Structure formats: structure tokens, C-alpha cells
């Protein structure tokens, strides 16, 4: 799991419905944000559809932190 000293970026993933992605290999990729970027925009959404999101921080060795949902 990455710590503050080796943080490289974050994956933002989306899933249809009320259950967010539980792993960094699940869901639809919204953005792969490399440090020091801090924003992302989700496009292609459908009105009246429920989406859930998860953010996975990672380090240079692709070690992923537990999702923030």
C-alpha cells in the first residue's frame, strides 16, 4: 500500500448502481491522475442513472491502497 512518501497517483473508477468498484481492476476508468494533478472530469454519463465511485491511490510499483468510496 502506498504511503505519503511514495504516492504516485490515483485511479478514479465508476460503476453503474449503488456498489462502487472494490478493486482497481473493476468498473469504468474515469481518470488516472498522476501527482501533482488534483482534478478529473467524468464524461459520458446518462441522466437518471445512479453511479458509484472509488478512488485507489498507488505508488510507482503499482501497489494500490484500499479504495476510498
C-alpha atoms as a PDB file:
ATOM      1  CA  UNK A   1       0.000   0.000   0.000  1.00  0.00           C
ATOM      2  CA  UNK A   2       1.442   3.413  -0.908  1.00  0.00           C
ATOM      3  CA  UNK A   3       2.271   5.919   1.765  1.00  0.00           C
ATOM      4  CA  UNK A   4       2.647   9.667   1.542  1.00  0.00           C
ATOM      5  CA  UNK A   5       6.345   9.413   0.644  1.00  0.00           C
ATOM      6  CA  UNK A   6       5.841   7.207  -2.403  1.00  0.00           C
ATOM      7  CA  UNK A   7       2.422   8.360  -3.639  1.00  0.00           C
ATOM      8  CA  UNK A   8       2.444   8.466  -7.446  1.00  0.00           C
ATOM      9  CA  UNK A   9      -1.191   8.918  -8.429  1.00  0.00           C
ATOM     10  CA  UNK A  10      -4.780   7.745  -8.142  1.00  0.00           C
ATOM     11  CA  UNK A  11      -7.254   5.794 -10.225  1.00  0.00           C
ATOM     12  CA  UNK A  12     -10.832   7.049 -10.217  1.00  0.00           C
ATOM     13  CA  UNK A  13     -13.254   4.306 -11.195  1.00  0.00           C
ATOM     14  CA  UNK A  14     -17.018   4.330 -11.731  1.00  0.00           C
ATOM     15  CA  UNK A  15     -19.672   1.617 -11.581  1.00  0.00           C
ATOM     16  CA  UNK A  16     -23.333   1.678 -12.524  1.00  0.00           C
ATOM     17  CA  UNK A  17     -25.571   1.328  -9.485  1.00  0.00           C
ATOM     18  CA  UNK A  18     -25.018   1.738  -5.765  1.00  0.00           C
ATOM     19  CA  UNK A  19     -21.972  -0.533  -5.350  1.00  0.00           C
ATOM     20  CA  UNK A  20     -18.624   1.104  -6.102  1.00  0.00           C
ATOM     21  CA  UNK A  21     -15.703  -0.813  -7.605  1.00  0.00           C
ATOM     22  CA  UNK A  22     -13.965  -2.868  -4.904  1.00  0.00           C
ATOM     23  CA  UNK A  23     -10.715  -3.473  -6.793  1.00  0.00           C
ATOM     24  CA  UNK A  24      -8.593  -1.282  -9.098  1.00  0.00           C
ATOM     25  CA  UNK A  25      -9.393  -3.663 -11.968  1.00  0.00           C
ATOM     26  CA  UNK A  26     -13.175  -3.228 -11.694  1.00  0.00           C
ATOM     27  CA  UNK A  27     -15.507  -0.603 -13.110  1.00  0.00           C
ATOM     28  CA  UNK A  28     -15.000   2.055 -15.766  1.00  0.00           C
ATOM     29  CA  UNK A  29     -11.861   4.182 -15.659  1.00  0.00           C
ATOM     30  CA  UNK A  30     -12.781   7.831 -15.159  1.00  0.00           C
ATOM     31  CA  UNK A  31      -9.227   9.114 -14.717  1.00  0.00           C
ATOM     32  CA  UNK A  32      -5.699   8.039 -13.902  1.00  0.00           C
ATOM     33  CA  UNK A  33      -4.372  11.095 -12.106  1.00  0.00           C
ATOM     34  CA  UNK A  34      -0.620  11.428 -11.727  1.00  0.00           C
ATOM     35  CA  UNK A  35       0.845  13.509  -8.931  1.00  0.00           C
ATOM     36  CA  UNK A  36       0.536  16.528  -8.599  1.00  0.00           C
ATOM     37  CA  UNK A  37      -2.777  16.723 -10.534  1.00  0.00           C
ATOM     38  CA  UNK A  38      -5.844  17.111  -8.302  1.00  0.00           C
ATOM     39  CA  UNK A  39      -8.896  17.155 -10.586  1.00  0.00           C
ATOM     40  CA  UNK A  40     -10.715  14.952 -13.066  1.00  0.00           C
ATOM     41  CA  UNK A  41     -13.898  15.236 -15.118  1.00  0.00           C
ATOM     42  CA  UNK A  42     -16.310  12.358 -15.692  1.00  0.00           C
ATOM     43  CA  UNK A  43     -17.991  12.498 -19.105  1.00  0.00           C
ATOM     44  CA  UNK A  44     -20.461  10.276 -20.926  1.00  0.00           C
ATOM     45  CA  UNK A  45     -22.905   9.978 -18.035  1.00  0.00           C
ATOM     46  CA  UNK A  46     -26.575   9.185 -18.571  1.00  0.00           C
ATOM     47  CA  UNK A  47     -29.327  11.199 -16.890  1.00  0.00           C
ATOM     48  CA  UNK A  48     -31.378   9.410 -14.212  1.00  0.00           C
ATOM     49  CA  UNK A  49     -28.659   6.766 -13.759  1.00  0.00           C
ATOM     50  CA  UNK A  50     -27.041   6.026 -10.405  1.00  0.00           C
ATOM     51  CA  UNK A  51     -23.245   5.823 -10.377  1.00  0.00           C
ATOM     52  CA  UNK A  52     -20.822   4.911  -7.600  1.00  0.00           C
ATOM     53  CA  UNK A  53     -17.153   5.840  -7.458  1.00  0.00           C
ATOM     54  CA  UNK A  54     -13.944   4.561  -5.902  1.00  0.00           C
ATOM     55  CA  UNK A  55     -10.506   6.147  -5.752  1.00  0.00           C
ATOM     56  CA  UNK A  56      -7.390   3.987  -5.430  1.00  0.00           C
ATOM     57  CA  UNK A  57      -4.088   5.693  -4.582  1.00  0.00           C
ATOM     58  CA  UNK A  58      -0.996   3.931  -5.945  1.00  0.00           C
ATOM     59  CA  UNK A  59       2.788   4.093  -5.909  1.00  0.00           C
ATOM     60  CA  UNK A  60       5.447   3.658  -8.616  1.00  0.00           C
ATOM     61  CA  UNK A  61       5.350  -0.138  -8.145  1.00  0.00           C
ATOM     62  CA  UNK A  62       1.571  -0.234  -8.761  1.00  0.00           C
ATOM     63  CA  UNK A  63       0.772  -1.050  -5.136  1.00  0.00           C
ATOM     64  CA  UNK A  64      -2.807   0.108  -4.559  1.00  0.00           C
ATOM     65  CA  UNK A  65      -4.328   1.433  -1.371  1.00  0.00           C
ATOM     66  CA  UNK A  66      -7.764   0.373  -0.166  1.00  0.00           C
ATOM     67  CA  UNK A  67     -10.476   2.241  -2.055  1.00  0.00           C
ATOM     68  CA  UNK A  68     -11.919   5.496  -0.847  1.00  0.00           C
ATOM     69  CA  UNK A  69     -15.602   5.482  -1.792  1.00  0.00           C
END
